[in-house]
Amino acid sequence: MIAPRLSIAPLGIAKRDGEGWRTTWRVANPDADSFRIVTAVAPHSQFRGETALDREVRGKASTQFLLVVRIEGGAHTEALTPRFGAVYRDLLADFFAAALAAD
């Protein structure tokens, strides 16, 4: 059995979803053979997320799916991730505004 060659890329900007972040991913299949995606797992040491899927990706086609991830380590860790730009800037501004108001 030969593993399929895949192209996996994030789409758009993550949005807050409860305690996690909703991310969208595109999986493209450059080969002629179809394959099935049965699960998606966030592979990063600080990003935790997993979802069951049942998607067939036909040859030379692609699919998209949502994955909600949680960031281990708290809000300070989230702010250090530059990928989501303005969202983290706003979170930091809210954090410091609340801290200053508490004094």
PDB file of N, CA and C in Angstrom:
ATOM      1  N   MET A   1       0.847  -1.183   0.000  1.00  0.00           N
ATOM      2  CA  MET A   1       0.000   0.000   0.000  1.00  0.00           C
ATOM      3  C   MET A   1       0.885   1.236   0.000  1.00  0.00           C
ATOM      4  N   ILE A   2       0.611   2.160  -0.883  1.00  0.00           N
ATOM      5  CA  ILE A   2       1.363   3.400  -0.980  1.00  0.00           C
ATOM      6  C   ILE A   2       0.523   4.521  -0.382  1.00  0.00           C
ATOM      7  N   ALA A   3       1.137   5.304   0.503  1.00  0.00           N
ATOM      8  CA  ALA A   3       0.432   6.426   1.121  1.00  0.00           C
ATOM      9  C   ALA A   3       0.181   7.509   0.077  1.00  0.00           C
ATOM     10  N   PRO A   4      -0.978   8.160   0.133  1.00  0.00           N
ATOM     11  CA  PRO A   4      -1.265   9.224  -0.832  1.00  0.00           C
ATOM     12  C   PRO A   4      -0.377  10.445  -0.581  1.00  0.00           C
ATOM     13  N   ARG A   5      -0.045  11.167  -1.632  1.00  0.00           N
ATOM     14  CA  ARG A   5       0.633  12.462  -1.506  1.00  0.00           C
ATOM     15  C   ARG A   5      -0.462  13.498  -1.300  1.00  0.00           C
ATOM     16  N   LEU A   6      -0.339  14.297  -0.279  1.00  0.00           N
ATOM     17  CA  LEU A   6      -1.374  15.283   0.027  1.00  0.00           C
ATOM     18  C   LEU A   6      -0.762  16.662   0.178  1.00  0.00           C
ATOM     19  N   SER A   7      -1.568  17.660  -0.086  1.00  0.00           N
ATOM     20  CA  SER A   7      -1.213  19.038   0.204  1.00  0.00           C
ATOM     21  C   SER A   7      -2.211  19.517   1.250  1.00  0.00           C
ATOM     22  N   ILE A   8      -1.710  19.981   2.401  1.00  0.00           N
ATOM     23  CA  ILE A   8      -2.585  20.429   3.485  1.00  0.00           C
ATOM     24  C   ILE A   8      -2.223  21.873   3.811  1.00  0.00           C
ATOM     25  N   ALA A   9      -3.237  22.756   3.835  1.00  0.00           N
ATOM     26  CA  ALA A   9      -2.977  24.172   4.088  1.00  0.00           C
ATOM     27  C   ALA A   9      -4.109  24.785   4.902  1.00  0.00           C
ATOM     28  N   PRO A  10      -3.776  25.716   5.821  1.00  0.00           N
ATOM     29  CA  PRO A  10      -4.817  26.434   6.555  1.00  0.00           C
ATOM     30  C   PRO A  10      -5.487  27.453   5.642  1.00  0.00           C
ATOM     31  N   LEU A  11      -6.755  27.719   5.904  1.00  0.00           N
ATOM     32  CA  LEU A  11      -7.506  28.708   5.128  1.00  0.00           C
ATOM     33  C   LEU A  11      -8.036  29.785   6.059  1.00  0.00           C
ATOM     34  N   GLY A  12      -7.909  31.021   5.684  1.00  0.00           N
ATOM     35  CA  GLY A  12      -8.499  32.121   6.440  1.00  0.00           C
ATOM     36  C   GLY A  12      -7.847  32.340   7.786  1.00  0.00           C
ATOM     37  N   ILE A  13      -8.609  32.963   8.667  1.00  0.00           N
ATOM     38  CA  ILE A  13      -8.137  33.322  10.001  1.00  0.00           C
ATOM     39  C   ILE A  13      -8.941  32.536  11.028  1.00  0.00           C
ATOM     40  N   ALA A  14      -8.260  32.013  12.034  1.00  0.00           N
ATOM     41  CA  ALA A  14      -8.944  31.278  13.096  1.00  0.00           C
ATOM     42  C   ALA A  14      -9.893  32.209  13.838  1.00  0.00           C
ATOM     43  N   LYS A  15     -11.017  31.651  14.271  1.00  0.00           N
ATOM     44  CA  LYS A  15     -12.006  32.420  15.029  1.00  0.00           C
ATOM     45  C   LYS A  15     -12.252  31.717  16.358  1.00  0.00           C
ATOM     46  N   ARG A  16     -12.506  32.503  17.379  1.00  0.00           N
ATOM     47  CA  ARG A  16     -12.757  31.963  18.706  1.00  0.00           C
ATOM     48  C   ARG A  16     -13.981  31.066  18.668  1.00  0.00           C
ATOM     49  N   ASP A  17     -13.900  29.920  19.334  1.00  0.00           N
ATOM     50  CA  ASP A  17     -14.997  28.962  19.417  1.00  0.00           C
ATOM     51  C   ASP A  17     -14.985  28.384  20.826  1.00  0.00           C
ATOM     52  N   GLY A  18     -15.701  29.015  21.739  1.00  0.00           N
ATOM     53  CA  GLY A  18     -15.685  28.584  23.132  1.00  0.00           C
ATOM     54  C   GLY A  18     -14.294  28.772  23.714  1.00  0.00           C
ATOM     55  N   GLU A  19     -13.717  27.699  24.241  1.00  0.00           N
ATOM     56  CA  GLU A  19     -12.369  27.741  24.804  1.00  0.00           C
ATOM     57  C   GLU A  19     -11.292  27.496  23.755  1.00  0.00           C
ATOM     58  N   GLY A  20     -11.694  27.254  22.515  1.00  0.00           N
ATOM     59  CA  GLY A  20     -10.724  26.946  21.466  1.00  0.00           C
ATOM     60  C   GLY A  20     -10.785  27.930  20.319  1.00  0.00           C
ATOM     61  N   TRP A  21     -10.121  27.555  19.243  1.00  0.00           N
ATOM     62  CA  TRP A  21     -10.085  28.339  18.014  1.00  0.00           C
ATOM     63  C   TRP A  21     -10.537  27.458  16.870  1.00  0.00           C
ATOM     64  N   ARG A  22     -11.508  27.956  16.080  1.00  0.00           N
ATOM     65  CA  ARG A  22     -12.010  27.214  14.926  1.00  0.00           C
ATOM     66  C   ARG A  22     -11.115  27.529  13.740  1.00  0.00           C
ATOM     67  N   THR A  23     -10.491  26.483  13.201  1.00  0.00           N
ATOM     68  CA  THR A  23      -9.600  26.634  12.050  1.00  0.00           C
ATOM     69  C   THR A  23     -10.188  25.878  10.866  1.00  0.00           C
ATOM     70  N   THR A  24      -9.880  26.344   9.662  1.00  0.00           N
ATOM     71  CA  THR A  24     -10.343  25.689   8.443  1.00  0.00           C
ATOM     72  C   THR A  24      -9.123  25.217   7.664  1.00  0.00           C
ATOM     73  N   TRP A  25      -9.201  23.997   7.152  1.00  0.00           N
ATOM     74  CA  TRP A  25      -8.088  23.382   6.438  1.00  0.00           C
ATOM     75  C   TRP A  25      -8.537  22.886   5.076  1.00  0.00           C
ATOM     76  N   ARG A  26      -7.619  22.941   4.121  1.00  0.00           N
ATOM     77  CA  ARG A  26      -7.852  22.404   2.777  1.00  0.00           C
ATOM     78  C   ARG A  26      -6.872  21.259   2.563  1.00  0.00           C
ATOM     79  N   VAL A  27      -7.401  20.131   2.129  1.00  0.00           N
ATOM     80  CA  VAL A  27      -6.582  18.972   1.778  1.00  0.00           C
ATOM     81  C   VAL A  27      -6.770  18.725   0.288  1.00  0.00           C
ATOM     82  N   ALA A  28      -5.664  18.755  -0.454  1.00  0.00           N
ATOM     83  CA  ALA A  28      -5.714  18.534  -1.897  1.00  0.00           C
ATOM     84  C   ALA A  28      -5.025  17.216  -2.240  1.00  0.00           C
ATOM     85  N   ASN A  29      -5.589  16.531  -3.207  1.00  0.00           N
ATOM     86  CA  ASN A  29      -5.076  15.244  -3.672  1.00  0.00           C
ATOM     87  C   ASN A  29      -4.574  15.421  -5.117  1.00  0.00           C
ATOM     88  N   PRO A  30      -3.260  15.490  -5.326  1.00  0.00           N
ATOM     89  CA  PRO A  30      -2.742  15.682  -6.678  1.00  0.00           C
ATOM     90  C   PRO A  30      -2.731  14.403  -7.516  1.00  0.00           C
ATOM     91  N   ASP A  31      -2.967  13.263  -6.884  1.00  0.00           N
ATOM     92  CA  ASP A  31      -2.922  11.975  -7.587  1.00  0.00           C
ATOM     93  C   ASP A  31      -4.263  11.622  -8.214  1.00  0.00           C
ATOM     94  N   ALA A  32      -4.262  10.585  -9.047  1.00  0.00           N
ATOM     95  CA  ALA A  32      -5.488  10.146  -9.724  1.00  0.00           C
ATOM     96  C   ALA A  32      -6.382   9.296  -8.823  1.00  0.00           C
ATOM     97  N   ASP A  33      -5.784   8.590  -7.852  1.00  0.00           N
ATOM     98  CA  ASP A  33      -6.555   7.708  -6.974  1.00  0.00           C
ATOM     99  C   ASP A  33      -7.271   8.490  -5.877  1.00  0.00           C
ATOM    100  N   SER A  34      -8.444   8.016  -5.496  1.00  0.00           N
ATOM    101  CA  SER A  34      -9.201   8.603  -4.390  1.00  0.00           C
ATOM    102  C   SER A  34      -8.675   8.078  -3.066  1.00  0.00           C
ATOM    103  N   PHE A  35      -8.962   8.813  -1.996  1.00  0.00           N
ATOM    104  CA  PHE A  35      -8.671   8.328  -0.654  1.00  0.00           C
ATOM    105  C   PHE A  35      -9.716   8.884   0.291  1.00  0.00           C
ATOM    106  N   ARG A  36      -9.764   8.342   1.488  1.00  0.00           N
ATOM    107  CA  ARG A  36     -10.752   8.755   2.493  1.00  0.00           C
ATOM    108  C   ARG A  36     -10.035   9.300   3.718  1.00  0.00           C
ATOM    109  N   ILE A  37     -10.511  10.443   4.210  1.00  0.00           N
ATOM    110  CA  ILE A  37     -10.018  11.024   5.455  1.00  0.00           C
ATOM    111  C   ILE A  37     -10.975  10.578   6.557  1.00  0.00           C
ATOM    112  N   VAL A  38     -10.450   9.970   7.608  1.00  0.00           N
ATOM    113  CA  VAL A  38     -11.308   9.490   8.691  1.00  0.00           C
ATOM    114  C   VAL A  38     -11.116  10.268   9.985  1.00  0.00           C
ATOM    115  N   THR A  39     -10.022  11.009  10.113  1.00  0.00           N
ATOM    116  CA  THR A  39      -9.808  11.830  11.309  1.00  0.00           C
ATOM    117  C   THR A  39      -8.805  12.931  10.988  1.00  0.00           C
ATOM    118  N   ALA A  40      -8.878  14.000  11.752  1.00  0.00           N
ATOM    119  CA  ALA A  40      -7.902  15.083  11.654  1.00  0.00           C
ATOM    120  C   ALA A  40      -7.416  15.394  13.061  1.00  0.00           C
ATOM    121  N   VAL A  41      -6.105  15.486  13.210  1.00  0.00           N
ATOM    122  CA  VAL A  41      -5.485  15.743  14.509  1.00  0.00           C
ATOM    123  C   VAL A  41      -4.519  16.908  14.362  1.00  0.00           C
ATOM    124  N   ALA A  42      -4.596  17.886  15.257  1.00  0.00           N
ATOM    125  CA  ALA A  42      -3.647  18.996  15.245  1.00  0.00           C
ATOM    126  C   ALA A  42      -2.277  18.450  15.649  1.00  0.00           C
ATOM    127  N   PRO A  43      -1.263  18.637  14.800  1.00  0.00           N
ATOM    128  CA  PRO A  43       0.024  18.000  15.034  1.00  0.00           C
ATOM    129  C   PRO A  43       1.013  18.803  15.872  1.00  0.00           C
ATOM    130  N   HIS A  44       0.692  20.002  16.256  1.00  0.00           N
ATOM    131  CA  HIS A  44       1.631  20.872  16.960  1.00  0.00           C
ATOM    132  C   HIS A  44       1.632  20.562  18.449  1.00  0.00           C
ATOM    133  N   SER A  45       2.772  20.719  19.094  1.00  0.00           N
ATOM    134  CA  SER A  45       2.878  20.382  20.516  1.00  0.00           C
ATOM    135  C   SER A  45       2.011  21.255  21.412  1.00  0.00           C
ATOM    136  N   GLN A  46       1.718  22.495  20.993  1.00  0.00           N
ATOM    137  CA  GLN A  46       0.885  23.370  21.823  1.00  0.00           C
ATOM    138  C   GLN A  46      -0.562  23.433  21.359  1.00  0.00           C
ATOM    139  N   PHE A  47      -0.845  23.002  20.145  1.00  0.00           N
ATOM    140  CA  PHE A  47      -2.204  23.032  19.625  1.00  0.00           C
ATOM    141  C   PHE A  47      -2.803  21.645  19.739  1.00  0.00           C
ATOM    142  N   ARG A  48      -3.913  21.540  20.435  1.00  0.00           N
ATOM    143  CA  ARG A  48      -4.562  20.254  20.637  1.00  0.00           C
ATOM    144  C   ARG A  48      -5.945  20.276  20.007  1.00  0.00           C
ATOM    145  N   GLY A  49      -6.197  19.335  19.139  1.00  0.00           N
ATOM    146  CA  GLY A  49      -7.509  19.239  18.520  1.00  0.00           C
ATOM    147  C   GLY A  49      -7.613  17.956  17.723  1.00  0.00           C
ATOM    148  N   GLU A  50      -8.794  17.412  17.698  1.00  0.00           N
ATOM    149  CA  GLU A  50      -9.035  16.185  16.937  1.00  0.00           C
ATOM    150  C   GLU A  50     -10.505  16.154  16.553  1.00  0.00           C
ATOM    151  N   THR A  51     -10.787  15.688  15.339  1.00  0.00           N
ATOM    152  CA  THR A  51     -12.165  15.548  14.901  1.00  0.00           C
ATOM    153  C   THR A  51     -12.290  14.336  13.991  1.00  0.00           C
ATOM    154  N   ALA A  52     -13.398  13.639  14.121  1.00  0.00           N
ATOM    155  CA  ALA A  52     -13.680  12.516  13.225  1.00  0.00           C
ATOM    156  C   ALA A  52     -14.230  13.069  11.917  1.00  0.00           C
ATOM    157  N   LEU A  53     -13.786  12.500  10.821  1.00  0.00           N
ATOM    158  CA  LEU A  53     -14.256  12.898   9.496  1.00  0.00           C
ATOM    159  C   LEU A  53     -14.612  11.642   8.716  1.00  0.00           C
ATOM    160  N   ASP A  54     -15.402  11.796   7.710  1.00  0.00           N
ATOM    161  CA  ASP A  54     -15.666  10.717   6.757  1.00  0.00           C
ATOM    162  C   ASP A  54     -15.780  11.369   5.389  1.00  0.00           C
ATOM    163  N   ARG A  55     -14.609  11.703   4.819  1.00  0.00           N
ATOM    164  CA  ARG A  55     -14.566  12.429   3.554  1.00  0.00           C
ATOM    165  C   ARG A  55     -13.784  11.652   2.515  1.00  0.00           C
ATOM    166  N   GLU A  56     -14.400  11.450   1.384  1.00  0.00           N
ATOM    167  CA  GLU A  56     -13.668  10.909   0.249  1.00  0.00           C
ATOM    168  C   GLU A  56     -13.111  12.084  -0.538  1.00  0.00           C
ATOM    169  N   VAL A  57     -11.838  11.994  -0.882  1.00  0.00           N
ATOM    170  CA  VAL A  57     -11.218  13.013  -1.722  1.00  0.00           C
ATOM    171  C   VAL A  57     -10.842  12.315  -3.025  1.00  0.00           C
ATOM    172  N   ARG A  58     -11.576  12.650  -4.055  1.00  0.00           N
ATOM    173  CA  ARG A  58     -11.345  12.021  -5.356  1.00  0.00           C
ATOM    174  C   ARG A  58     -10.015  12.478  -5.933  1.00  0.00           C
ATOM    175  N   GLY A  59      -9.564  11.752  -6.941  1.00  0.00           N
ATOM    176  CA  GLY A  59      -8.311  12.101  -7.597  1.00  0.00           C
ATOM    177  C   GLY A  59      -8.348  13.497  -8.184  1.00  0.00           C
ATOM    178  N   LYS A  60      -7.261  14.234  -8.015  1.00  0.00           N
ATOM    179  CA  LYS A  60      -7.112  15.596  -8.549  1.00  0.00           C
ATOM    180  C   LYS A  60      -8.170  16.551  -7.996  1.00  0.00           C
ATOM    181  N   ALA A  61      -8.631  16.303  -6.772  1.00  0.00           N
ATOM    182  CA  ALA A  61      -9.663  17.140  -6.141  1.00  0.00           C
ATOM    183  C   ALA A  61      -9.198  17.544  -4.738  1.00  0.00           C
ATOM    184  N   SER A  62     -10.034  18.321  -4.058  1.00  0.00           N
ATOM    185  CA  SER A  62      -9.701  18.745  -2.692  1.00  0.00           C
ATOM    186  C   SER A  62     -10.966  18.804  -1.852  1.00  0.00           C
ATOM    187  N   THR A  63     -10.770  18.950  -0.549  1.00  0.00           N
ATOM    188  CA  THR A  63     -11.872  19.116   0.396  1.00  0.00           C
ATOM    189  C   THR A  63     -11.429  20.069   1.494  1.00  0.00           C
ATOM    190  N   GLN A  64     -12.389  20.600   2.221  1.00  0.00           N
ATOM    191  CA  GLN A  64     -12.106  21.467   3.356  1.00  0.00           C
ATOM    192  C   GLN A  64     -12.785  20.882   4.587  1.00  0.00           C
ATOM    193  N   PHE A  65     -12.197  21.167   5.754  1.00  0.00           N
ATOM    194  CA  PHE A  65     -12.833  20.739   6.997  1.00  0.00           C
ATOM    195  C   PHE A  65     -12.475  21.716   8.108  1.00  0.00           C
ATOM    196  N   LEU A  66     -13.319  21.731   9.144  1.00  0.00           N
ATOM    197  CA  LEU A  66     -13.091  22.561  10.324  1.00  0.00           C
ATOM    198  C   LEU A  66     -12.443  21.722  11.407  1.00  0.00           C
ATOM    199  N   LEU A  67     -11.556  22.347  12.165  1.00  0.00           N
ATOM    200  CA  LEU A  67     -10.940  21.691  13.312  1.00  0.00           C
ATOM    201  C   LEU A  67     -10.834  22.731  14.420  1.00  0.00           C
ATOM    202  N   VAL A  68     -11.453  22.450  15.564  1.00  0.00           N
ATOM    203  CA  VAL A  68     -11.350  23.348  16.710  1.00  0.00           C
ATOM    204  C   VAL A  68     -10.141  22.897  17.520  1.00  0.00           C
ATOM    205  N   VAL A  69      -9.218  23.845  17.753  1.00  0.00           N
ATOM    206  CA  VAL A  69      -8.014  23.528  18.520  1.00  0.00           C
ATOM    207  C   VAL A  69      -7.984  24.357  19.788  1.00  0.00           C
ATOM    208  N   ARG A  70      -7.366  23.793  20.794  1.00  0.00           N
ATOM    209  CA  ARG A  70      -7.114  24.517  22.035  1.00  0.00           C
ATOM    210  C   ARG A  70      -5.625  24.745  22.119  1.00  0.00           C
ATOM    211  N   ILE A  71      -5.249  25.871  22.662  1.00  0.00           N
ATOM    212  CA  ILE A  71      -3.836  26.190  22.790  1.00  0.00           C
ATOM    213  C   ILE A  71      -3.441  25.976  24.237  1.00  0.00           C
ATOM    214  N   GLU A  72      -2.536  25.038  24.466  1.00  0.00           N
ATOM    215  CA  GLU A  72      -2.075  24.719  25.808  1.00  0.00           C
ATOM    216  C   GLU A  72      -1.131  25.821  26.284  1.00  0.00           C
ATOM    217  N   GLY A  73      -1.290  26.250  27.524  1.00  0.00           N
ATOM    218  CA  GLY A  73      -0.375  27.222  28.080  1.00  0.00           C
ATOM    219  C   GLY A  73      -0.998  28.560  28.411  1.00  0.00           C
ATOM    220  N   GLY A  74      -2.241  28.798  28.044  1.00  0.00           N
ATOM    221  CA  GLY A  74      -2.919  30.022  28.425  1.00  0.00           C
ATOM    222  C   GLY A  74      -2.818  31.135  27.401  1.00  0.00           C
ATOM    223  N   ALA A  75      -3.439  32.244  27.721  1.00  0.00           N
ATOM    224  CA  ALA A  75      -3.548  33.363  26.779  1.00  0.00           C
ATOM    225  C   ALA A  75      -2.195  33.936  26.393  1.00  0.00           C
ATOM    226  N   HIS A  76      -1.222  33.917  27.310  1.00  0.00           N
ATOM    227  CA  HIS A  76       0.088  34.470  26.960  1.00  0.00           C
ATOM    228  C   HIS A  76       0.730  33.680  25.826  1.00  0.00           C
ATOM    229  N   THR A  77       0.505  32.370  25.777  1.00  0.00           N
ATOM    230  CA  THR A  77       1.036  31.549  24.698  1.00  0.00           C
ATOM    231  C   THR A  77       0.342  31.873  23.390  1.00  0.00           C
ATOM    232  N   GLU A  78      -0.964  32.065  23.424  1.00  0.00           N
ATOM    233  CA  GLU A  78      -1.709  32.423  22.221  1.00  0.00           C
ATOM    234  C   GLU A  78      -1.178  33.726  21.639  1.00  0.00           C
ATOM    235  N   ALA A  79      -0.886  34.689  22.501  1.00  0.00           N
ATOM    236  CA  ALA A  79      -0.431  35.995  22.030  1.00  0.00           C
ATOM    237  C   ALA A  79       0.931  35.914  21.349  1.00  0.00           C
ATOM    238  N   LEU A  80       1.707  34.895  21.672  1.00  0.00           N
ATOM    239  CA  LEU A  80       3.032  34.757  21.073  1.00  0.00           C
ATOM    240  C   LEU A  80       2.984  34.143  19.681  1.00  0.00           C
ATOM    241  N   THR A  81       1.844  33.691  19.237  1.00  0.00           N
ATOM    242  CA  THR A  81       1.723  33.069  17.927  1.00  0.00           C
ATOM    243  C   THR A  81       1.337  34.140  16.911  1.00  0.00           C
ATOM    244  N   PRO A  82       2.246  34.516  16.013  1.00  0.00           N
ATOM    245  CA  PRO A  82       1.975  35.622  15.099  1.00  0.00           C
ATOM    246  C   PRO A  82       0.987  35.301  13.988  1.00  0.00           C
ATOM    247  N   ARG A  83       0.655  34.055  13.800  1.00  0.00           N
ATOM    248  CA  ARG A  83      -0.162  33.635  12.670  1.00  0.00           C
ATOM    249  C   ARG A  83      -1.502  34.362  12.574  1.00  0.00           C
ATOM    250  N   PHE A  84      -2.117  34.699  13.697  1.00  0.00           N
ATOM    251  CA  PHE A  84      -3.465  35.255  13.668  1.00  0.00           C
ATOM    252  C   PHE A  84      -3.503  36.762  13.898  1.00  0.00           C
ATOM    253  N   GLY A  85      -2.361  37.417  13.833  1.00  0.00           N
ATOM    254  CA  GLY A  85      -2.218  38.869  13.795  1.00  0.00           C
ATOM    255  C   GLY A  85      -3.137  39.685  14.664  1.00  0.00           C
ATOM    256  N   ALA A  86      -4.109  40.345  14.068  1.00  0.00           N
ATOM    257  CA  ALA A  86      -4.963  41.322  14.739  1.00  0.00           C
ATOM    258  C   ALA A  86      -5.760  40.720  15.887  1.00  0.00           C
ATOM    259  N   VAL A  87      -6.142  39.467  15.783  1.00  0.00           N
ATOM    260  CA  VAL A  87      -6.895  38.819  16.864  1.00  0.00           C
ATOM    261  C   VAL A  87      -6.075  38.835  18.144  1.00  0.00           C
ATOM    262  N   TYR A  88      -4.804  38.466  18.049  1.00  0.00           N
ATOM    263  CA  TYR A  88      -3.952  38.436  19.234  1.00  0.00           C
ATOM    264  C   TYR A  88      -3.637  39.843  19.726  1.00  0.00           C
ATOM    265  N   ARG A  89      -3.480  40.794  18.823  1.00  0.00           N
ATOM    266  CA  ARG A  89      -3.246  42.176  19.228  1.00  0.00           C
ATOM    267  C   ARG A  89      -4.428  42.654  20.067  1.00  0.00           C
ATOM    268  N   ASP A  90      -5.654  42.349  19.609  1.00  0.00           N
ATOM    269  CA  ASP A  90      -6.854  42.757  20.346  1.00  0.00           C
ATOM    270  C   ASP A  90      -6.947  42.044  21.694  1.00  0.00           C
ATOM    271  N   LEU A  91      -6.593  40.774  21.740  1.00  0.00           N
ATOM    272  CA  LEU A  91      -6.608  40.049  23.012  1.00  0.00           C
ATOM    273  C   LEU A  91      -5.618  40.660  24.002  1.00  0.00           C
ATOM    274  N   LEU A  92      -4.432  40.997  23.514  1.00  0.00           N
ATOM    275  CA  LEU A  92      -3.441  41.626  24.394  1.00  0.00           C
ATOM    276  C   LEU A  92      -3.931  42.982  24.893  1.00  0.00           C
ATOM    277  N   ALA A  93      -4.521  43.776  24.012  1.00  0.00           N
ATOM    278  CA  ALA A  93      -5.033  45.087  24.412  1.00  0.00           C
ATOM    279  C   ALA A  93      -6.108  44.934  25.492  1.00  0.00           C
ATOM    280  N   ASP A  94      -7.018  43.965  25.314  1.00  0.00           N
ATOM    281  CA  ASP A  94      -8.070  43.717  26.306  1.00  0.00           C
ATOM    282  C   ASP A  94      -7.469  43.272  27.632  1.00  0.00           C
ATOM    283  N   PHE A  95      -6.467  42.408  27.581  1.00  0.00           N
ATOM    284  CA  PHE A  95      -5.821  41.906  28.791  1.00  0.00           C
ATOM    285  C   PHE A  95      -5.197  43.052  29.581  1.00  0.00           C
ATOM    286  N   PHE A  96      -4.418  43.898  28.893  1.00  0.00           N
ATOM    287  CA  PHE A  96      -3.742  45.001  29.603  1.00  0.00           C
ATOM    288  C   PHE A  96      -4.737  46.052  30.077  1.00  0.00           C
ATOM    289  N   ALA A  97      -5.777  46.308  29.323  1.00  0.00           N
ATOM    290  CA  ALA A  97      -6.799  47.265  29.749  1.00  0.00           C
ATOM    291  C   ALA A  97      -7.479  46.776  31.029  1.00  0.00           C
ATOM    292  N   ALA A  98      -7.802  45.489  31.084  1.00  0.00           N
ATOM    293  CA  ALA A  98      -8.438  44.914  32.284  1.00  0.00           C
ATOM    294  C   ALA A  98      -7.485  44.944  33.472  1.00  0.00           C
ATOM    295  N   ALA A  99      -6.216  44.641  33.226  1.00  0.00           N
ATOM    296  CA  ALA A  99      -5.224  44.650  34.309  1.00  0.00           C
ATOM    297  C   ALA A  99      -5.035  46.057  34.872  1.00  0.00           C
ATOM    298  N   LEU A 100      -4.976  47.040  33.996  1.00  0.00           N
ATOM    299  CA  LEU A 100      -4.811  48.413  34.450  1.00  0.00           C
ATOM    300  C   LEU A 100      -6.045  48.930  35.173  1.00  0.00           C
ATOM    301  N   ALA A 101      -7.235  48.504  34.727  1.00  0.00           N
ATOM    302  CA  ALA A 101      -8.477  48.929  35.377  1.00  0.00           C
ATOM    303  C   ALA A 101      -8.620  48.329  36.766  1.00  0.00           C
ATOM    304  N   ALA A 102      -7.997  47.170  37.000  1.00  0.00           N
ATOM    305  CA  ALA A 102      -8.099  46.496  38.284  1.00  0.00           C
ATOM    306  C   ALA A 102      -7.301  47.201  39.381  1.00  0.00           C
ATOM    307  N   ASP A 103      -6.319  48.000  38.967  1.00  0.00           N
ATOM    308  CA  ASP A 103      -5.472  48.684  39.982  1.00  0.00           C
ATOM    309  C   ASP A 103      -6.199  49.776  40.670  1.00  0.00           C
TER     310      ASP A 103
END
